[in-house]
PDB file of N, CA and C in Angstrom:
ATOM      1  N   MET A   1     104.449  87.629 123.369  1.00  0.00           N
ATOM      2  CA  MET A   1     103.111  88.157 123.066  1.00  0.00           C
ATOM      3  C   MET A   1     102.996  89.242 121.971  1.00  0.00           C
ATOM      4  N   ASN A   2     101.872  88.761 120.941  1.00  0.00           N
ATOM      5  CA  ASN A   2     101.891  89.166 119.867  1.00  0.00           C
ATOM      6  C   ASN A   2     101.111  91.152 120.105  1.00  0.00           C
ATOM      7  N   ASN A   3     102.135  91.506 119.006  1.00  0.00           N
ATOM      8  CA  ASN A   3     101.673  93.196 119.110  1.00  0.00           C
ATOM      9  C   ASN A   3     100.371  93.374 117.731  1.00  0.00           C
ATOM     10  N   ILE A   4      99.738  93.342 118.164  1.00  0.00           N
ATOM     11  CA  ILE A   4      98.645  94.066 116.645  1.00  0.00           C
ATOM     12  C   ILE A   4      98.120  95.058 116.662  1.00  0.00           C
ATOM     13  N   LYS A   5      98.210  95.616 115.476  1.00  0.00           N
ATOM     14  CA  LYS A   5      97.609  96.909 115.461  1.00  0.00           C
ATOM     15  C   LYS A   5      96.848  96.728 114.134  1.00  0.00           C
ATOM     16  N   LEU A   6      95.961  97.661 114.132  1.00  0.00           N
ATOM     17  CA  LEU A   6      94.970  98.128 113.155  1.00  0.00           C
ATOM     18  C   LEU A   6      95.054  99.413 112.314  1.00  0.00           C
ATOM     19  N   ILE A   7      95.554  99.773 111.404  1.00  0.00           N
ATOM     20  CA  ILE A   7      95.454 100.787 110.528  1.00  0.00           C
ATOM     21  C   ILE A   7      94.318 101.097 109.917  1.00  0.00           C
ATOM     22  N   TYR A   8      94.219 102.177 109.772  1.00  0.00           N
ATOM     23  CA  TYR A   8      92.793 102.810 108.620  1.00  0.00           C
ATOM     24  C   TYR A   8      92.732 104.127 108.955  1.00  0.00           C
ATOM     25  N   PHE A   9      91.882 104.665 107.758  1.00  0.00           N
ATOM     26  CA  PHE A   9      92.017 106.130 107.424  1.00  0.00           C
ATOM     27  C   PHE A   9      90.208 106.299 107.642  1.00  0.00           C
ATOM     28  N   LYS A  10      90.722 107.393 108.400  1.00  0.00           N
ATOM     29  CA  LYS A  10      89.084 108.461 108.405  1.00  0.00           C
ATOM     30  C   LYS A  10      87.842 107.948 107.201  1.00  0.00           C
ATOM     31  N   GLY A  11      87.043 107.106 107.380  1.00  0.00           N
ATOM     32  CA  GLY A  11      86.116 107.170 106.212  1.00  0.00           C
ATOM     33  C   GLY A  11      86.214 105.636 106.077  1.00  0.00           C
ATOM     34  N   CYS A  12      86.939 105.053 106.332  1.00  0.00           N
ATOM     35  CA  CYS A  12      87.427 104.002 105.678  1.00  0.00           C
ATOM     36  C   CYS A  12      86.154 103.004 105.843  1.00  0.00           C
ATOM     37  N   PRO A  13      85.530 102.440 104.435  1.00  0.00           N
ATOM     38  CA  PRO A  13      83.982 101.670 104.781  1.00  0.00           C
ATOM     39  C   PRO A  13      84.238 100.367 105.132  1.00  0.00           C
ATOM     40  N   ASN A  14      85.764 100.042 105.468  1.00  0.00           N
ATOM     41  CA  ASN A  14      85.850  97.987 106.160  1.00  0.00           C
ATOM     42  C   ASN A  14      86.581  98.422 107.163  1.00  0.00           C
ATOM     43  N   TYR A  15      86.724  99.610 107.956  1.00  0.00           N
ATOM     44  CA  TYR A  15      87.039  99.969 108.997  1.00  0.00           C
ATOM     45  C   TYR A  15      86.429  99.226 110.178  1.00  0.00           C
ATOM     46  N   GLU A  16      85.095  99.225 110.262  1.00  0.00           N
ATOM     47  CA  GLU A  16      84.347  98.632 111.606  1.00  0.00           C
ATOM     48  C   GLU A  16      84.112  97.021 111.569  1.00  0.00           C
ATOM     49  N   ALA A  17      84.182  96.541 109.917  1.00  0.00           N
ATOM     50  CA  ALA A  17      84.097  95.178 109.875  1.00  0.00           C
ATOM     51  C   ALA A  17      85.630  94.460 110.523  1.00  0.00           C
ATOM     52  N   ALA A  18      86.719  95.718 110.162  1.00  0.00           N
ATOM     53  CA  ALA A  18      87.947  94.715 110.763  1.00  0.00           C
ATOM     54  C   ALA A  18      88.395  94.659 112.413  1.00  0.00           C
ATOM     55  N   LYS A  19      87.288  95.972 112.612  1.00  0.00           N
ATOM     56  CA  LYS A  19      87.923  96.028 113.815  1.00  0.00           C
ATOM     57  C   LYS A  19      86.772  94.805 114.742  1.00  0.00           C
ATOM     58  N   ASN A  20      85.499  94.958 114.349  1.00  0.00           N
ATOM     59  CA  ASN A  20      84.719  93.725 114.535  1.00  0.00           C
ATOM     60  C   ASN A  20      85.561  92.409 114.621  1.00  0.00           C
ATOM     61  N   LEU A  21      86.181  92.051 113.602  1.00  0.00           N
ATOM     62  CA  LEU A  21      86.787  90.759 113.212  1.00  0.00           C
ATOM     63  C   LEU A  21      87.686  91.063 114.449  1.00  0.00           C
ATOM     64  N   LEU A  22      88.076  91.732 115.026  1.00  0.00           N
ATOM     65  CA  LEU A  22      89.249  91.761 115.847  1.00  0.00           C
ATOM     66  C   LEU A  22      89.126  91.549 117.572  1.00  0.00           C
ATOM     67  N   LEU A  23      87.781  92.342 117.343  1.00  0.00           N
ATOM     68  CA  LEU A  23      87.356  92.020 118.408  1.00  0.00           C
ATOM     69  C   LEU A  23      86.517  90.654 119.064  1.00  0.00           C
ATOM     70  N   LYS A  24      86.138  90.116 118.223  1.00  0.00           N
ATOM     71  CA  LYS A  24      85.262  88.973 118.315  1.00  0.00           C
ATOM     72  C   LYS A  24      86.785  87.871 118.308  1.00  0.00           C
ATOM     73  N   SER A  25      87.741  87.851 117.741  1.00  0.00           N
ATOM     74  CA  SER A  25      89.203  87.036 118.229  1.00  0.00           C
ATOM     75  C   SER A  25      89.681  87.177 119.768  1.00  0.00           C
ATOM     76  N   ASP A  26      88.705  88.517 120.130  1.00  0.00           N
ATOM     77  CA  ASP A  26      89.770  88.647 121.732  1.00  0.00           C
ATOM     78  C   ASP A  26      90.995  88.394 121.877  1.00  0.00           C
ATOM     79  N   CYS A  27      91.192  89.419 121.113  1.00  0.00           N
ATOM     80  CA  CYS A  27      92.877  89.695 121.325  1.00  0.00           C
ATOM     81  C   CYS A  27      93.018  91.696 121.721  1.00  0.00           C
ATOM     82  N   ASP A  28      94.180  91.595 122.224  1.00  0.00           N
ATOM     83  CA  ASP A  28      94.771  92.958 122.112  1.00  0.00           C
ATOM     84  C   ASP A  28      95.090  93.415 121.051  1.00  0.00           C
ATOM     85  N   PHE A  29      94.790  94.983 120.966  1.00  0.00           N
ATOM     86  CA  PHE A  29      95.126  95.356 119.616  1.00  0.00           C
ATOM     87  C   PHE A  29      95.390  96.883 119.713  1.00  0.00           C
ATOM     88  N   GLU A  30      95.676  97.948 119.255  1.00  0.00           N
ATOM     89  CA  GLU A  30      96.128  98.922 119.047  1.00  0.00           C
ATOM     90  C   GLU A  30      95.416  99.272 117.955  1.00  0.00           C
ATOM     91  N   GLU A  31      94.477 100.732 117.934  1.00  0.00           N
ATOM     92  CA  GLU A  31      93.990 101.475 116.635  1.00  0.00           C
ATOM     93  C   GLU A  31      95.041 102.753 116.341  1.00  0.00           C
ATOM     94  N   VAL A  32      95.186 102.293 114.928  1.00  0.00           N
ATOM     95  CA  VAL A  32      96.050 103.750 114.589  1.00  0.00           C
ATOM     96  C   VAL A  32      95.382 104.616 113.168  1.00  0.00           C
ATOM     97  N   ASN A  33      95.051 105.521 113.381  1.00  0.00           N
ATOM     98  CA  ASN A  33      94.803 106.433 112.573  1.00  0.00           C
ATOM     99  C   ASN A  33      95.277 106.664 111.746  1.00  0.00           C
ATOM    100  N   GLN A  34      95.518 106.625 110.408  1.00  0.00           N
ATOM    101  CA  GLN A  34      96.304 107.237 109.553  1.00  0.00           C
ATOM    102  C   GLN A  34      96.482 108.700 108.874  1.00  0.00           C
ATOM    103  N   SER A  35      94.960 109.538 109.493  1.00  0.00           N
ATOM    104  CA  SER A  35      94.409 110.404 109.357  1.00  0.00           C
ATOM    105  C   SER A  35      95.311 111.640 110.320  1.00  0.00           C
ATOM    106  N   ASP A  36      95.619 110.663 111.491  1.00  0.00           N
ATOM    107  CA  ASP A  36      96.458 111.503 112.457  1.00  0.00           C
ATOM    108  C   ASP A  36      97.707 111.662 112.271  1.00  0.00           C
ATOM    109  N   LEU A  37      98.573 110.962 111.692  1.00  0.00           N
ATOM    110  CA  LEU A  37      99.526 110.825 110.798  1.00  0.00           C
ATOM    111  C   LEU A  37     100.532 111.879 109.975  1.00  0.00           C
ATOM    112  N   SER A  38     101.741 111.780 109.874  1.00  0.00           N
ATOM    113  CA  SER A  38     102.474 112.802 109.125  1.00  0.00           C
ATOM    114  C   SER A  38     102.680 111.729 107.885  1.00  0.00           C
ATOM    115  N   ASN A  39     102.348 112.899 106.594  1.00  0.00           N
ATOM    116  CA  ASN A  39     102.877 111.709 105.277  1.00  0.00           C
ATOM    117  C   ASN A  39     104.185 111.069 105.334  1.00  0.00           C
ATOM    118  N   ASP A  40     104.879 111.339 106.209  1.00  0.00           N
ATOM    119  CA  ASP A  40     106.249 110.555 106.306  1.00  0.00           C
ATOM    120  C   ASP A  40     106.370 109.613 107.013  1.00  0.00           C
ATOM    121  N   HIS A  41     105.072 109.783 108.105  1.00  0.00           N
ATOM    122  CA  HIS A  41     104.720 108.270 109.233  1.00  0.00           C
ATOM    123  C   HIS A  41     104.772 107.385 108.682  1.00  0.00           C
ATOM    124  N   PRO A  42     105.986 105.759 108.754  1.00  0.00           N
ATOM    125  CA  PRO A  42     105.683 104.731 108.347  1.00  0.00           C
ATOM    126  C   PRO A  42     104.361 104.136 108.197  1.00  0.00           C
ATOM    127  N   LEU A  43     103.606 104.161 109.393  1.00  0.00           N
ATOM    128  CA  LEU A  43     102.270 103.307 109.389  1.00  0.00           C
ATOM    129  C   LEU A  43     101.108 104.162 108.726  1.00  0.00           C
ATOM    130  N   LYS A  44     101.180 105.280 107.518  1.00  0.00           N
ATOM    131  CA  LYS A  44     100.923 106.319 106.657  1.00  0.00           C
ATOM    132  C   LYS A  44     101.165 105.093 105.402  1.00  0.00           C
ATOM    133  N   HIS A  45     101.926 104.684 105.146  1.00  0.00           N
ATOM    134  CA  HIS A  45     101.819 103.717 103.787  1.00  0.00           C
ATOM    135  C   HIS A  45     101.408 102.244 103.983  1.00  0.00           C
ATOM    136  N   TYR A  46     100.386 101.937 104.268  1.00  0.00           N
ATOM    137  CA  TYR A  46      99.363 100.961 104.342  1.00  0.00           C
ATOM    138  C   TYR A  46      98.045 100.826 103.506  1.00  0.00           C
ATOM    139  N   THR A  47      97.437  99.714 103.214  1.00  0.00           N
ATOM    140  CA  THR A  47      95.990 100.361 102.739  1.00  0.00           C
ATOM    141  C   THR A  47      95.501 100.113 103.763  1.00  0.00           C
ATOM    142  N   SER A  48      94.018 100.637 103.757  1.00  0.00           N
ATOM    143  CA  SER A  48      93.366 100.653 104.792  1.00  0.00           C
ATOM    144  C   SER A  48      91.997  99.819 104.833  1.00  0.00           C
ATOM    145  N   PRO A  49      91.470  98.909 105.643  1.00  0.00           N
ATOM    146  CA  PRO A  49      92.110  98.482 106.803  1.00  0.00           C
ATOM    147  C   PRO A  49      93.547  97.639 106.914  1.00  0.00           C
ATOM    148  N   THR A  50      94.422  97.857 107.602  1.00  0.00           N
ATOM    149  CA  THR A  50      95.496  96.435 107.535  1.00  0.00           C
ATOM    150  C   THR A  50      95.584  96.213 109.121  1.00  0.00           C
ATOM    151  N   ILE A  51      96.032  95.363 109.210  1.00  0.00           N
ATOM    152  CA  ILE A  51      96.442  94.390 110.261  1.00  0.00           C
ATOM    153  C   ILE A  51      97.243  93.769 110.268  1.00  0.00           C
ATOM    154  N   LEU A  52      98.626  94.929 111.346  1.00  0.00           N
ATOM    155  CA  LEU A  52      99.940  94.371 111.744  1.00  0.00           C
ATOM    156  C   LEU A  52     100.009  93.371 113.055  1.00  0.00           C
ATOM    157  N   LYS A  53     100.695  92.389 112.834  1.00  0.00           N
ATOM    158  CA  LYS A  53     101.189  91.072 113.886  1.00  0.00           C
ATOM    159  C   LYS A  53     102.635  91.530 114.126  1.00  0.00           C
ATOM    160  N   ASN A  54     103.402  91.856 114.679  1.00  0.00           N
ATOM    161  CA  ASN A  54     104.534  91.978 115.058  1.00  0.00           C
ATOM    162  C   ASN A  54     104.895  92.829 113.841  1.00  0.00           C
ATOM    163  N   GLY A  55     104.245  94.008 113.453  1.00  0.00           N
ATOM    164  CA  GLY A  55     105.250  94.727 112.541  1.00  0.00           C
ATOM    165  C   GLY A  55     105.080  94.658 110.933  1.00  0.00           C
ATOM    166  N   LYS A  56     104.297  93.478 110.727  1.00  0.00           N
ATOM    167  CA  LYS A  56     103.917  92.441 109.466  1.00  0.00           C
ATOM    168  C   LYS A  56     102.558  92.597 109.220  1.00  0.00           C
ATOM    169  N   PRO A  57     101.863  92.841 108.031  1.00  0.00           N
ATOM    170  CA  PRO A  57     101.058  92.445 107.255  1.00  0.00           C
ATOM    171  C   PRO A  57     100.097  91.004 107.165  1.00  0.00           C
ATOM    172  N   ILE A  58      99.015  91.196 107.699  1.00  0.00           N
ATOM    173  CA  ILE A  58      98.413  90.018 108.003  1.00  0.00           C
ATOM    174  C   ILE A  58      97.198  90.102 107.154  1.00  0.00           C
ATOM    175  N   VAL A  59      96.523  91.333 107.410  1.00  0.00           N
ATOM    176  CA  VAL A  59      95.662  91.540 106.304  1.00  0.00           C
ATOM    177  C   VAL A  59      95.970  92.958 105.764  1.00  0.00           C
ATOM    178  N   GLY A  60      95.340  93.276 104.454  1.00  0.00           N
ATOM    179  CA  GLY A  60      96.085  94.858 103.740  1.00  0.00           C
ATOM    180  C   GLY A  60      97.500  94.490 103.180  1.00  0.00           C
ATOM    181  N   ASN A  61      97.875  95.695 103.089  1.00  0.00           N
ATOM    182  CA  ASN A  61      99.487  95.488 102.171  1.00  0.00           C
ATOM    183  C   ASN A  61      99.751  96.916 102.167  1.00  0.00           C
ATOM    184  N   GLN A  62     101.343  96.710 102.015  1.00  0.00           N
ATOM    185  CA  GLN A  62     101.844  98.368 102.394  1.00  0.00           C
ATOM    186  C   GLN A  62     102.157  98.812 100.940  1.00  0.00           C
ATOM    187  N   THR A  63     102.131 100.142 100.988  1.00  0.00           N
ATOM    188  CA  THR A  63     102.132 100.681  99.795  1.00  0.00           C
ATOM    189  C   THR A  63     103.317 101.545  99.747  1.00  0.00           C
ATOM    190  N   ASP A  64     103.491 102.084  98.112  1.00  0.00           N
ATOM    191  CA  ASP A  64     104.609 103.017  98.176  1.00  0.00           C
ATOM    192  C   ASP A  64     104.430 105.095  98.311  1.00  0.00           C
ATOM    193  N   SER A  65     103.244 104.721  98.634  1.00  0.00           N
ATOM    194  CA  SER A  65     102.759 106.045  98.935  1.00  0.00           C
ATOM    195  C   SER A  65     102.081 106.339 100.410  1.00  0.00           C
ATOM    196  N   SER A  66     101.756 107.661 100.688  1.00  0.00           N
ATOM    197  CA  SER A  66     101.356 108.373 101.746  1.00  0.00           C
ATOM    198  C   SER A  66     100.304 108.312 102.002  1.00  0.00           C
ATOM    199  N   ALA A  67      99.475 108.219 100.115  1.00  0.00           N
ATOM    200  CA  ALA A  67      98.355 108.359  99.826  1.00  0.00           C
ATOM    201  C   ALA A  67      97.096 107.207 100.297  1.00  0.00           C
ATOM    202  N   GLY A  68      97.920 106.067 100.556  1.00  0.00           N
ATOM    203  CA  GLY A  68      97.236 105.137 100.490  1.00  0.00           C
ATOM    204  C   GLY A  68      96.609 104.117  99.661  1.00  0.00           C
ATOM    205  N   GLY A  69      95.376 103.584 100.338  1.00  0.00           N
ATOM    206  CA  GLY A  69      94.484 102.599  99.709  1.00  0.00           C
ATOM    207  C   GLY A  69      93.516 102.029 100.100  1.00  0.00           C
ATOM    208  N   CYS A  70      92.871 101.097  99.205  1.00  0.00           N
ATOM    209  CA  CYS A  70      91.904 100.440 100.177  1.00  0.00           C
ATOM    210  C   CYS A  70      92.177  99.323 100.641  1.00  0.00           C
ATOM    211  N   SER A  71      91.824  98.175 101.013  1.00  0.00           N
ATOM    212  CA  SER A  71      92.216  96.702 101.380  1.00  0.00           C
ATOM    213  C   SER A  71      90.219  96.016 101.783  1.00  0.00           C
ATOM    214  N   ILE A  72      90.240  95.557  99.802  1.00  0.00           N
ATOM    215  CA  ILE A  72      88.583  95.250  99.790  1.00  0.00           C
ATOM    216  C   ILE A  72      88.047  93.984 100.683  1.00  0.00           C
ATOM    217  N   GLN A  73      89.247  92.713 100.378  1.00  0.00           N
ATOM    218  CA  GLN A  73      88.838  91.920 100.947  1.00  0.00           C
ATOM    219  C   GLN A  73      89.466  91.659 102.594  1.00  0.00           C
ATOM    220  N   LEU A  74      88.299  91.151 103.275  1.00  0.00           N
ATOM    221  CA  LEU A  74      88.629  90.895 104.812  1.00  0.00           C
ATOM    222  C   LEU A  74      88.420  89.424 104.828  1.00  0.00           C
ATOM    223  N   PRO A  75      88.927  89.168 106.020  1.00  0.00           N
ATOM    224  CA  PRO A  75      89.517  87.244 105.970  1.00  0.00           C
ATOM    225  C   PRO A  75      88.144  86.340 106.792  1.00  0.00           C
ATOM    226  N   SER A  76      87.769  85.813 107.139  1.00  0.00           N
ATOM    227  CA  SER A  76      86.489  85.186 107.728  1.00  0.00           C
ATOM    228  C   SER A  76      87.035  85.420 109.250  1.00  0.00           C
ATOM    229  N   ASP A  77      86.194  84.661 110.463  1.00  0.00           N
ATOM    230  CA  ASP A  77      86.342  84.891 111.779  1.00  0.00           C
ATOM    231  C   ASP A  77      87.623  83.970 111.725  1.00  0.00           C
ATOM    232  N   ALA A  78      87.643  82.865 111.012  1.00  0.00           N
ATOM    233  CA  ALA A  78      88.451  81.775 111.556  1.00  0.00           C
ATOM    234  C   ALA A  78      89.747  81.995 110.884  1.00  0.00           C
ATOM    235  N   GLU A  79      89.755  82.373 109.781  1.00  0.00           N
ATOM    236  CA  GLU A  79      90.959  82.650 108.950  1.00  0.00           C
ATOM    237  C   GLU A  79      91.708  83.677 109.469  1.00  0.00           C
ATOM    238  N   LEU A  80      91.335  84.968 110.347  1.00  0.00           N
ATOM    239  CA  LEU A  80      91.882  85.919 110.652  1.00  0.00           C
ATOM    240  C   LEU A  80      92.609  84.973 112.483  1.00  0.00           C
ATOM    241  N   LYS A  81      91.490  84.356 113.199  1.00  0.00           N
ATOM    242  CA  LYS A  81      92.170  83.396 114.456  1.00  0.00           C
ATOM    243  C   LYS A  81      93.211  82.875 113.628  1.00  0.00           C
ATOM    244  N   ARG A  82      93.245  81.946 112.920  1.00  0.00           N
ATOM    245  CA  ARG A  82      94.472  80.879 112.156  1.00  0.00           C
ATOM    246  C   ARG A  82      95.732  82.499 112.118  1.00  0.00           C
ATOM    247  N   LYS A  83      95.344  83.763 111.153  1.00  0.00           N
ATOM    248  CA  LYS A  83      96.786  84.255 111.284  1.00  0.00           C
ATOM    249  C   LYS A  83      97.537  84.857 112.244  1.00  0.00           C
ATOM    250  N   LEU A  84      96.114  85.260 113.553  1.00  0.00           N
ATOM    251  CA  LEU A  84      96.885  85.684 114.665  1.00  0.00           C
ATOM    252  C   LEU A  84      97.415  84.702 115.586  1.00  0.00           C
ATOM    253  N   GLU A  85      97.333  83.399 115.535  1.00  0.00           N
ATOM    254  CA  GLU A  85      97.594  82.479 115.980  1.00  0.00           C
ATOM    255  C   GLU A  85      96.997  82.015 117.147  1.00  0.00           C
ATOM    256  N   ILE A  86      95.562  82.214 117.958  1.00  0.00           N
ATOM    257  CA  ILE A  86      95.040  82.582 119.027  1.00  0.00           C
ATOM    258  C   ILE A  86      94.536  81.122 118.956  1.00  0.00           C
TER     259      ILE A  86
END
C-alpha cells in the first residue's frame, strides 16, 4: 500500500489544484500543512505543493531551507496517475 502525502503551506496558490489532482486519482492521501510544523520538522523542507509517495517526492522538491518555496509545474491527471501507479 502506498503512503501518499500532500505537503503545502497556507496560502499556496497551487494547493487546491494539487489536492484536486489527488482527489481525481481516487487515492488515499494525508494533507500536511507546513504552516503548522516547527522549522526543524523534516516535512518543512519541501516546496509547496509537494506530493510524496512512500517518502519520495513525485511532484515538487526537497529544499535546503525551512523557508520552502513554490512548485510551479503540476502534472496532468494521466501523468500523476502514472507516477502514483494507480
